[in-house]
């Protein structure tokens, strides 16, 4: 094997290794984001379930709270909002603690028996 062949093989190997590392890095970031979204959705579903069990509507004014899920603290905001078709919906937004700039998840669900 000549030196040129060895160098070409190293270039091919290093290119493949870099592509593999980039792919693994993207998968790790995606998995972390997916776990955050899943935990935030559980927080939102808990608030919806509590309202349904208490047979209480969401408040017209925004209500805020905090819940621990998955070892992390999540901030939620819920209220009753008017929909585009003049109906009402329960809206809940869940934020990661310390980052209220954008919700991790936002749900808007029409309450049971709500006419459209």
C-alpha atoms as a PDB file:
ATOM      1  CA  UNK A   1       0.000   0.000   0.000  1.00  0.00           C
ATOM      2  CA  UNK A   2       1.406   3.382  -0.918  1.00  0.00           C
ATOM      3  CA  UNK A   3       1.375   6.515   1.191  1.00  0.00           C
ATOM      4  CA  UNK A   4      -1.155   8.109  -1.163  1.00  0.00           C
ATOM      5  CA  UNK A   5      -3.602   5.220  -0.721  1.00  0.00           C
ATOM      6  CA  UNK A   6      -3.280   5.439   3.068  1.00  0.00           C
ATOM      7  CA  UNK A   7      -3.946   9.199   3.003  1.00  0.00           C
ATOM      8  CA  UNK A   8      -7.029   8.768   0.791  1.00  0.00           C
ATOM      9  CA  UNK A   9      -8.329   6.068   3.136  1.00  0.00           C
ATOM     10  CA  UNK A  10      -7.814   8.378   6.141  1.00  0.00           C
ATOM     11  CA  UNK A  11      -9.709  11.209   4.415  1.00  0.00           C
ATOM     12  CA  UNK A  12     -12.628   8.888   3.653  1.00  0.00           C
ATOM     13  CA  UNK A  13     -12.627   7.508   7.205  1.00  0.00           C
ATOM     14  CA  UNK A  14     -12.472  10.970   8.830  1.00  0.00           C
ATOM     15  CA  UNK A  15     -15.322  12.264   6.642  1.00  0.00           C
ATOM     16  CA  UNK A  16     -17.483   9.290   7.578  1.00  0.00           C
ATOM     17  CA  UNK A  17     -16.600   9.678  11.276  1.00  0.00           C
ATOM     18  CA  UNK A  18     -17.533  13.387  11.260  1.00  0.00           C
ATOM     19  CA  UNK A  19     -20.862  12.642   9.578  1.00  0.00           C
ATOM     20  CA  UNK A  20     -21.608   9.942  12.157  1.00  0.00           C
ATOM     21  CA  UNK A  21     -20.728  12.249  15.076  1.00  0.00           C
ATOM     22  CA  UNK A  22     -22.975  14.977  13.666  1.00  0.00           C
ATOM     23  CA  UNK A  23     -25.853  12.522  13.321  1.00  0.00           C
ATOM     24  CA  UNK A  24     -25.444  11.246  16.881  1.00  0.00           C
ATOM     25  CA  UNK A  25     -25.307  14.815  18.206  1.00  0.00           C
ATOM     26  CA  UNK A  26     -28.565  15.719  16.438  1.00  0.00           C
ATOM     27  CA  UNK A  27     -30.265  12.593  17.790  1.00  0.00           C
ATOM     28  CA  UNK A  28     -29.211  13.412  21.356  1.00  0.00           C
ATOM     29  CA  UNK A  29     -30.571  16.975  21.058  1.00  0.00           C
ATOM     30  CA  UNK A  30     -33.836  15.721  19.521  1.00  0.00           C
ATOM     31  CA  UNK A  31     -34.299  13.123  22.275  1.00  0.00           C
ATOM     32  CA  UNK A  32     -33.740  15.744  24.989  1.00  0.00           C
ATOM     33  CA  UNK A  33     -36.322  18.057  23.370  1.00  0.00           C
ATOM     34  CA  UNK A  34     -38.778  15.185  23.055  1.00  0.00           C
ATOM     35  CA  UNK A  35     -38.450  14.383  26.770  1.00  0.00           C
ATOM     36  CA  UNK A  36     -39.126  18.041  27.650  1.00  0.00           C
ATOM     37  CA  UNK A  37     -42.216  18.118  25.449  1.00  0.00           C
ATOM     38  CA  UNK A  38     -43.519  14.868  26.935  1.00  0.00           C
ATOM     39  CA  UNK A  39     -43.107  16.063  30.528  1.00  0.00           C
ATOM     40  CA  UNK A  40     -44.678  19.441  29.710  1.00  0.00           C
ATOM     41  CA  UNK A  41     -47.648  17.668  28.112  1.00  0.00           C
ATOM     42  CA  UNK A  42     -48.129  15.635  31.308  1.00  0.00           C
ATOM     43  CA  UNK A  43     -48.213  18.877  33.314  1.00  0.00           C
ATOM     44  CA  UNK A  44     -50.835  20.310  30.941  1.00  0.00           C
ATOM     45  CA  UNK A  45     -52.901  17.118  31.023  1.00  0.00           C
ATOM     46  CA  UNK A  46     -52.791  17.143  34.846  1.00  0.00           C
ATOM     47  CA  UNK A  47     -54.307  20.632  34.881  1.00  0.00           C
ATOM     48  CA  UNK A  48     -57.022  19.586  32.439  1.00  0.00           C
ATOM     49  CA  UNK A  49     -57.786  16.462  34.493  1.00  0.00           C
ATOM     50  CA  UNK A  50     -57.968  18.438  37.757  1.00  0.00           C
ATOM     51  CA  UNK A  51     -60.451  20.874  36.216  1.00  0.00           C
ATOM     52  CA  UNK A  52     -62.545  18.029  34.827  1.00  0.00           C
ATOM     53  CA  UNK A  53     -62.584  16.130  38.135  1.00  0.00           C
ATOM     54  CA  UNK A  54     -63.511  19.284  40.047  1.00  0.00           C
ATOM     55  CA  UNK A  55     -66.179  20.009  37.418  1.00  0.00           C
ATOM     56  CA  UNK A  56     -64.799  23.546  37.260  1.00  0.00           C
ATOM     57  CA  UNK A  57     -64.199  25.747  34.256  1.00  0.00           C
ATOM     58  CA  UNK A  58     -60.848  27.362  33.665  1.00  0.00           C
ATOM     59  CA  UNK A  59     -60.797  30.950  34.962  1.00  0.00           C
ATOM     60  CA  UNK A  60     -61.462  33.872  32.604  1.00  0.00           C
ATOM     61  CA  UNK A  61     -58.425  35.662  34.052  1.00  0.00           C
ATOM     62  CA  UNK A  62     -55.072  33.953  33.638  1.00  0.00           C
ATOM     63  CA  UNK A  63     -54.119  31.699  36.538  1.00  0.00           C
ATOM     64  CA  UNK A  64     -50.517  30.590  37.128  1.00  0.00           C
ATOM     65  CA  UNK A  65     -48.874  27.806  39.045  1.00  0.00           C
ATOM     66  CA  UNK A  66     -45.897  25.495  39.324  1.00  0.00           C
ATOM     67  CA  UNK A  67     -45.676  21.720  39.192  1.00  0.00           C
ATOM     68  CA  UNK A  68     -42.781  19.301  39.628  1.00  0.00           C
ATOM     69  CA  UNK A  69     -42.560  16.661  36.902  1.00  0.00           C
ATOM     70  CA  UNK A  70     -39.591  14.457  36.106  1.00  0.00           C
ATOM     71  CA  UNK A  71     -37.447  16.129  38.746  1.00  0.00           C
ATOM     72  CA  UNK A  72     -37.927  19.539  37.114  1.00  0.00           C
ATOM     73  CA  UNK A  73     -40.106  22.483  37.958  1.00  0.00           C
ATOM     74  CA  UNK A  74     -42.616  23.565  35.297  1.00  0.00           C
ATOM     75  CA  UNK A  75     -44.620  26.801  35.248  1.00  0.00           C
ATOM     76  CA  UNK A  76     -48.122  26.664  33.811  1.00  0.00           C
ATOM     77  CA  UNK A  77     -50.645  29.326  32.868  1.00  0.00           C
ATOM     78  CA  UNK A  78     -54.264  28.536  32.200  1.00  0.00           C
ATOM     79  CA  UNK A  79     -57.392  30.439  31.312  1.00  0.00           C
ATOM     80  CA  UNK A  80     -60.635  30.215  29.385  1.00  0.00           C
ATOM     81  CA  UNK A  81     -60.336  31.823  25.940  1.00  0.00           C
ATOM     82  CA  UNK A  82     -62.706  32.713  23.122  1.00  0.00           C
ATOM     83  CA  UNK A  83     -62.175  30.671  19.956  1.00  0.00           C
ATOM     84  CA  UNK A  84     -62.402  31.774  16.333  1.00  0.00           C
ATOM     85  CA  UNK A  85     -65.882  30.225  15.994  1.00  0.00           C
ATOM     86  CA  UNK A  86     -67.230  32.238  18.975  1.00  0.00           C
ATOM     87  CA  UNK A  87     -67.024  29.263  21.313  1.00  0.00           C
ATOM     88  CA  UNK A  88     -64.930  28.831  24.436  1.00  0.00           C
ATOM     89  CA  UNK A  89     -61.872  26.682  25.078  1.00  0.00           C
ATOM     90  CA  UNK A  90     -59.615  25.873  27.993  1.00  0.00           C
ATOM     91  CA  UNK A  91     -56.099  27.049  27.144  1.00  0.00           C
ATOM     92  CA  UNK A  92     -52.983  26.000  29.004  1.00  0.00           C
ATOM     93  CA  UNK A  93     -49.362  26.859  28.327  1.00  0.00           C
ATOM     94  CA  UNK A  94     -46.451  25.138  30.074  1.00  0.00           C
ATOM     95  CA  UNK A  95     -43.006  26.728  30.396  1.00  0.00           C
ATOM     96  CA  UNK A  96     -39.694  25.340  31.591  1.00  0.00           C
ATOM     97  CA  UNK A  97     -38.687  27.015  34.848  1.00  0.00           C
ATOM     98  CA  UNK A  98     -36.597  30.091  34.188  1.00  0.00           C
ATOM     99  CA  UNK A  99     -37.636  30.386  30.529  1.00  0.00           C
ATOM    100  CA  UNK A 100     -40.986  32.121  30.110  1.00  0.00           C
ATOM    101  CA  UNK A 101     -40.137  33.390  26.626  1.00  0.00           C
ATOM    102  CA  UNK A 102     -41.837  30.528  24.771  1.00  0.00           C
ATOM    103  CA  UNK A 103     -44.017  27.684  26.040  1.00  0.00           C
ATOM    104  CA  UNK A 104     -42.719  24.147  25.711  1.00  0.00           C
ATOM    105  CA  UNK A 105     -46.295  23.124  24.939  1.00  0.00           C
ATOM    106  CA  UNK A 106     -49.588  24.958  24.480  1.00  0.00           C
ATOM    107  CA  UNK A 107     -52.960  23.183  24.454  1.00  0.00           C
ATOM    108  CA  UNK A 108     -56.391  24.585  23.693  1.00  0.00           C
ATOM    109  CA  UNK A 109     -59.288  22.197  24.263  1.00  0.00           C
ATOM    110  CA  UNK A 110     -63.033  22.779  24.154  1.00  0.00           C
ATOM    111  CA  UNK A 111     -64.621  21.700  27.442  1.00  0.00           C
ATOM    112  CA  UNK A 112     -67.033  18.734  27.346  1.00  0.00           C
ATOM    113  CA  UNK A 113     -70.538  19.782  26.343  1.00  0.00           C
ATOM    114  CA  UNK A 114     -69.392  23.129  24.959  1.00  0.00           C
ATOM    115  CA  UNK A 115     -71.485  24.084  21.943  1.00  0.00           C
ATOM    116  CA  UNK A 116     -69.725  25.228  18.803  1.00  0.00           C
END
